[in-house]
């Protein structure tokens, strides 16, 4: 294997390791990209439904975003209550 191939493998392994931390930069970037995609779908394609889990309900992007925002508000309220 060449030095360049070895370096690419090392870089890939390092990037995959970033996903082991749910609050790490890789996970945050992926979450931001997914949220942008959902917001775009809510505007551009408001009637298409998605299933987030195998047996979960079909929901529009707007419904999924509303659920996420409600969860974020509940988490923020709980954090404030614990202070």
N, C-alpha and C. Protein backbone atom coordinates (compact mmCIF):
# COMPACT_ATOMS: atom_id res chain seq x y z
N UNK A 1 0.83 -1.17 0.00
CA UNK A 1 0.00 0.00 0.00
C UNK A 1 0.88 1.24 0.00
N UNK A 2 0.43 2.24 -0.71
CA UNK A 2 1.23 3.46 -0.78
C UNK A 2 1.02 4.32 0.47
N UNK A 3 1.94 5.26 0.65
CA UNK A 3 1.85 6.18 1.78
C UNK A 3 0.56 7.00 1.71
N UNK A 4 0.18 7.38 0.49
CA UNK A 4 -1.05 8.17 0.31
C UNK A 4 -2.28 7.35 0.70
N UNK A 5 -2.32 6.08 0.32
CA UNK A 5 -3.43 5.20 0.68
C UNK A 5 -3.51 5.01 2.18
N UNK A 6 -2.35 4.81 2.80
CA UNK A 6 -2.32 4.66 4.25
C UNK A 6 -2.85 5.90 4.94
N UNK A 7 -2.47 7.07 4.46
CA UNK A 7 -2.93 8.32 5.07
C UNK A 7 -4.44 8.48 4.90
N UNK A 8 -4.98 8.09 3.75
CA UNK A 8 -6.42 8.17 3.53
C UNK A 8 -7.17 7.26 4.49
N UNK A 9 -6.62 6.08 4.76
CA UNK A 9 -7.25 5.16 5.69
C UNK A 9 -7.21 5.73 7.10
N UNK A 10 -6.07 6.29 7.49
CA UNK A 10 -5.95 6.92 8.81
C UNK A 10 -6.94 8.08 8.94
N UNK A 11 -7.04 8.91 7.91
CA UNK A 11 -7.97 10.05 7.94
C UNK A 11 -9.41 9.56 8.05
N UNK A 12 -9.76 8.52 7.33
CA UNK A 12 -11.11 7.96 7.39
C UNK A 12 -11.41 7.44 8.79
N UNK A 13 -10.49 6.70 9.35
CA UNK A 13 -10.71 6.17 10.70
C UNK A 13 -10.86 7.28 11.72
N UNK A 14 -10.08 8.34 11.58
CA UNK A 14 -10.21 9.49 12.49
C UNK A 14 -11.57 10.14 12.33
N UNK A 15 -12.03 10.30 11.10
CA UNK A 15 -13.33 10.94 10.89
C UNK A 15 -14.45 10.05 11.43
N UNK A 16 -14.34 8.75 11.28
CA UNK A 16 -15.36 7.85 11.82
C UNK A 16 -15.36 7.90 13.34
N UNK A 17 -14.20 8.05 13.95
CA UNK A 17 -14.10 8.13 15.40
C UNK A 17 -14.82 9.37 15.93
N UNK A 18 -14.89 10.43 15.13
CA UNK A 18 -15.58 11.64 15.55
C UNK A 18 -17.06 11.38 15.84
N UNK A 19 -17.64 10.36 15.20
CA UNK A 19 -19.06 10.07 15.38
C UNK A 19 -19.34 9.32 16.68
N UNK A 20 -18.30 8.88 17.38
CA UNK A 20 -18.52 8.17 18.64
C UNK A 20 -18.99 9.12 19.75
N UNK A 21 -18.74 10.40 19.58
CA UNK A 21 -19.20 11.40 20.55
C UNK A 21 -20.47 12.06 20.00
N UNK A 22 -21.64 11.82 20.64
CA UNK A 22 -22.88 12.37 20.11
C UNK A 22 -22.93 13.90 20.12
N UNK A 23 -22.03 14.53 20.85
CA UNK A 23 -21.97 15.99 20.89
C UNK A 23 -20.71 16.52 20.21
N UNK A 24 -20.00 15.64 19.52
CA UNK A 24 -18.78 16.03 18.84
C UNK A 24 -19.07 16.79 17.55
N UNK A 25 -18.04 17.33 16.94
CA UNK A 25 -18.22 18.16 15.75
C UNK A 25 -18.84 17.40 14.57
N UNK A 26 -18.50 16.15 14.39
CA UNK A 26 -19.05 15.39 13.26
C UNK A 26 -20.54 15.15 13.44
N UNK A 27 -20.94 14.78 14.64
CA UNK A 27 -22.36 14.55 14.91
C UNK A 27 -23.16 15.85 14.81
N UNK A 28 -22.59 16.93 15.30
CA UNK A 28 -23.27 18.22 15.22
C UNK A 28 -23.43 18.66 13.77
N UNK A 29 -22.40 18.47 12.96
CA UNK A 29 -22.48 18.82 11.54
C UNK A 29 -23.55 17.99 10.83
N UNK A 30 -23.58 16.71 11.12
CA UNK A 30 -24.58 15.84 10.50
C UNK A 30 -25.99 16.28 10.91
N UNK A 31 -26.17 16.63 12.17
CA UNK A 31 -27.47 17.08 12.65
C UNK A 31 -27.88 18.38 11.98
N UNK A 32 -26.96 19.32 11.86
CA UNK A 32 -27.25 20.59 11.19
C UNK A 32 -27.65 20.36 9.74
N UNK A 33 -26.94 19.46 9.06
CA UNK A 33 -27.26 19.18 7.66
C UNK A 33 -28.64 18.53 7.52
N UNK A 34 -28.97 17.63 8.43
CA UNK A 34 -30.28 16.99 8.40
C UNK A 34 -31.38 18.02 8.67
N UNK A 35 -31.17 18.92 9.60
CA UNK A 35 -32.16 19.95 9.90
C UNK A 35 -32.36 20.88 8.71
N UNK A 36 -31.28 21.25 8.03
CA UNK A 36 -31.40 22.08 6.82
C UNK A 36 -32.21 21.36 5.75
N UNK A 37 -31.91 20.06 5.58
CA UNK A 37 -32.62 19.26 4.59
C UNK A 37 -34.11 19.19 4.94
N UNK A 38 -34.45 18.96 6.21
CA UNK A 38 -35.85 18.90 6.62
C UNK A 38 -36.56 20.23 6.40
N UNK A 39 -35.90 21.34 6.74
CA UNK A 39 -36.52 22.65 6.52
C UNK A 39 -36.77 22.90 5.03
N UNK A 40 -35.82 22.51 4.21
CA UNK A 40 -36.00 22.68 2.75
C UNK A 40 -37.14 21.81 2.25
N UNK A 41 -37.21 20.57 2.72
CA UNK A 41 -38.30 19.68 2.31
C UNK A 41 -39.65 20.19 2.77
N UNK A 42 -39.71 20.78 3.96
CA UNK A 42 -40.97 21.32 4.48
C UNK A 42 -41.51 22.42 3.58
N UNK A 43 -40.61 23.16 2.95
CA UNK A 43 -41.02 24.25 2.06
C UNK A 43 -41.24 23.75 0.63
N UNK A 44 -40.27 23.01 0.10
CA UNK A 44 -40.30 22.60 -1.31
C UNK A 44 -41.23 21.42 -1.59
N UNK A 45 -41.45 20.58 -0.61
CA UNK A 45 -42.19 19.34 -0.83
C UNK A 45 -43.05 19.04 0.41
N UNK A 46 -44.03 19.91 0.69
CA UNK A 46 -44.73 19.84 1.98
C UNK A 46 -45.64 18.62 2.19
N UNK A 47 -45.96 17.89 1.14
CA UNK A 47 -46.91 16.79 1.29
C UNK A 47 -46.28 15.41 1.30
N UNK A 48 -44.99 15.32 0.98
CA UNK A 48 -44.31 14.02 1.03
C UNK A 48 -44.15 13.60 2.47
N UNK A 49 -44.40 12.32 2.72
CA UNK A 49 -44.30 11.79 4.09
C UNK A 49 -43.09 10.90 4.22
N UNK A 50 -42.50 10.92 5.40
CA UNK A 50 -41.30 10.14 5.72
C UNK A 50 -41.58 9.31 6.96
N UNK A 51 -40.87 8.22 7.08
CA UNK A 51 -40.97 7.37 8.26
C UNK A 51 -39.60 7.38 8.93
N UNK A 52 -39.56 7.86 10.17
CA UNK A 52 -38.28 8.00 10.87
C UNK A 52 -37.80 6.69 11.48
N UNK A 53 -38.72 5.79 11.77
CA UNK A 53 -38.37 4.47 12.29
C UNK A 53 -39.16 3.43 11.50
N UNK A 54 -38.73 2.21 11.58
CA UNK A 54 -39.35 1.14 10.79
C UNK A 54 -40.85 1.05 11.01
N UNK A 55 -41.29 1.11 12.24
CA UNK A 55 -42.72 0.96 12.55
C UNK A 55 -43.39 2.27 12.94
N UNK A 56 -42.67 3.37 12.77
CA UNK A 56 -43.21 4.66 13.17
C UNK A 56 -44.23 5.19 12.17
N UNK A 57 -44.90 6.26 12.55
CA UNK A 57 -45.90 6.85 11.65
C UNK A 57 -45.25 7.59 10.49
N UNK A 58 -45.99 7.71 9.40
CA UNK A 58 -45.52 8.55 8.30
C UNK A 58 -45.83 10.00 8.66
N UNK A 59 -44.84 10.87 8.46
CA UNK A 59 -44.99 12.28 8.82
C UNK A 59 -44.38 13.16 7.73
N UNK A 60 -44.93 14.35 7.59
CA UNK A 60 -44.33 15.32 6.68
C UNK A 60 -43.09 15.89 7.36
N UNK A 61 -42.25 16.56 6.57
CA UNK A 61 -41.05 17.19 7.13
C UNK A 61 -41.45 18.23 8.19
N UNK A 62 -42.54 18.96 7.94
CA UNK A 62 -42.99 19.97 8.91
C UNK A 62 -43.41 19.32 10.22
N UNK A 63 -44.06 18.16 10.15
CA UNK A 63 -44.46 17.45 11.38
C UNK A 63 -43.23 16.96 12.14
N UNK A 64 -42.25 16.45 11.42
CA UNK A 64 -41.01 15.99 12.06
C UNK A 64 -40.30 17.16 12.73
N UNK A 65 -40.21 18.30 12.02
CA UNK A 65 -39.57 19.48 12.60
C UNK A 65 -40.31 19.96 13.85
N UNK A 66 -41.64 19.94 13.81
CA UNK A 66 -42.43 20.37 14.97
C UNK A 66 -42.15 19.46 16.17
N UNK A 67 -42.04 18.17 15.92
CA UNK A 67 -41.72 17.22 16.99
C UNK A 67 -40.33 17.50 17.58
N UNK A 68 -39.36 17.73 16.70
CA UNK A 68 -37.99 18.02 17.15
C UNK A 68 -37.97 19.30 17.97
N UNK A 69 -38.66 20.34 17.49
CA UNK A 69 -38.68 21.61 18.21
C UNK A 69 -39.37 21.47 19.56
N UNK A 70 -40.43 20.66 19.64
CA UNK A 70 -41.11 20.43 20.92
C UNK A 70 -40.17 19.69 21.89
N UNK A 71 -39.44 18.72 21.36
CA UNK A 71 -38.47 18.00 22.20
C UNK A 71 -37.38 18.95 22.70
N UNK A 72 -36.88 19.82 21.81
CA UNK A 72 -35.84 20.77 22.21
C UNK A 72 -36.36 21.73 23.28
N UNK A 73 -37.61 22.16 23.15
CA UNK A 73 -38.20 23.06 24.15
C UNK A 73 -38.35 22.35 25.49
N UNK A 74 -38.76 21.09 25.46
CA UNK A 74 -38.91 20.32 26.71
C UNK A 74 -37.55 20.12 27.38
N UNK A 75 -36.53 19.84 26.59
CA UNK A 75 -35.18 19.67 27.14
C UNK A 75 -34.69 20.97 27.76
N UNK A 76 -34.91 22.09 27.06
CA UNK A 76 -34.49 23.40 27.59
C UNK A 76 -35.23 23.71 28.89
N UNK A 77 -36.52 23.42 28.96
CA UNK A 77 -37.29 23.67 30.18
C UNK A 77 -36.77 22.82 31.34
N UNK A 78 -36.47 21.58 31.05
CA UNK A 78 -35.94 20.69 32.10
C UNK A 78 -34.58 21.18 32.58
N UNK A 79 -33.73 21.60 31.67
CA UNK A 79 -32.41 22.13 32.07
C UNK A 79 -32.56 23.37 32.93
N UNK A 80 -33.49 24.25 32.56
CA UNK A 80 -33.71 25.46 33.36
C UNK A 80 -34.24 25.10 34.74
N UNK A 81 -35.08 24.10 34.84
CA UNK A 81 -35.64 23.69 36.13
C UNK A 81 -34.57 23.10 37.03
N UNK A 82 -33.54 22.50 36.43
CA UNK A 82 -32.50 21.86 37.21
C UNK A 82 -31.41 22.83 37.67
N UNK A 83 -31.46 24.05 37.23
CA UNK A 83 -30.44 25.03 37.61
C UNK A 83 -30.69 25.59 38.97
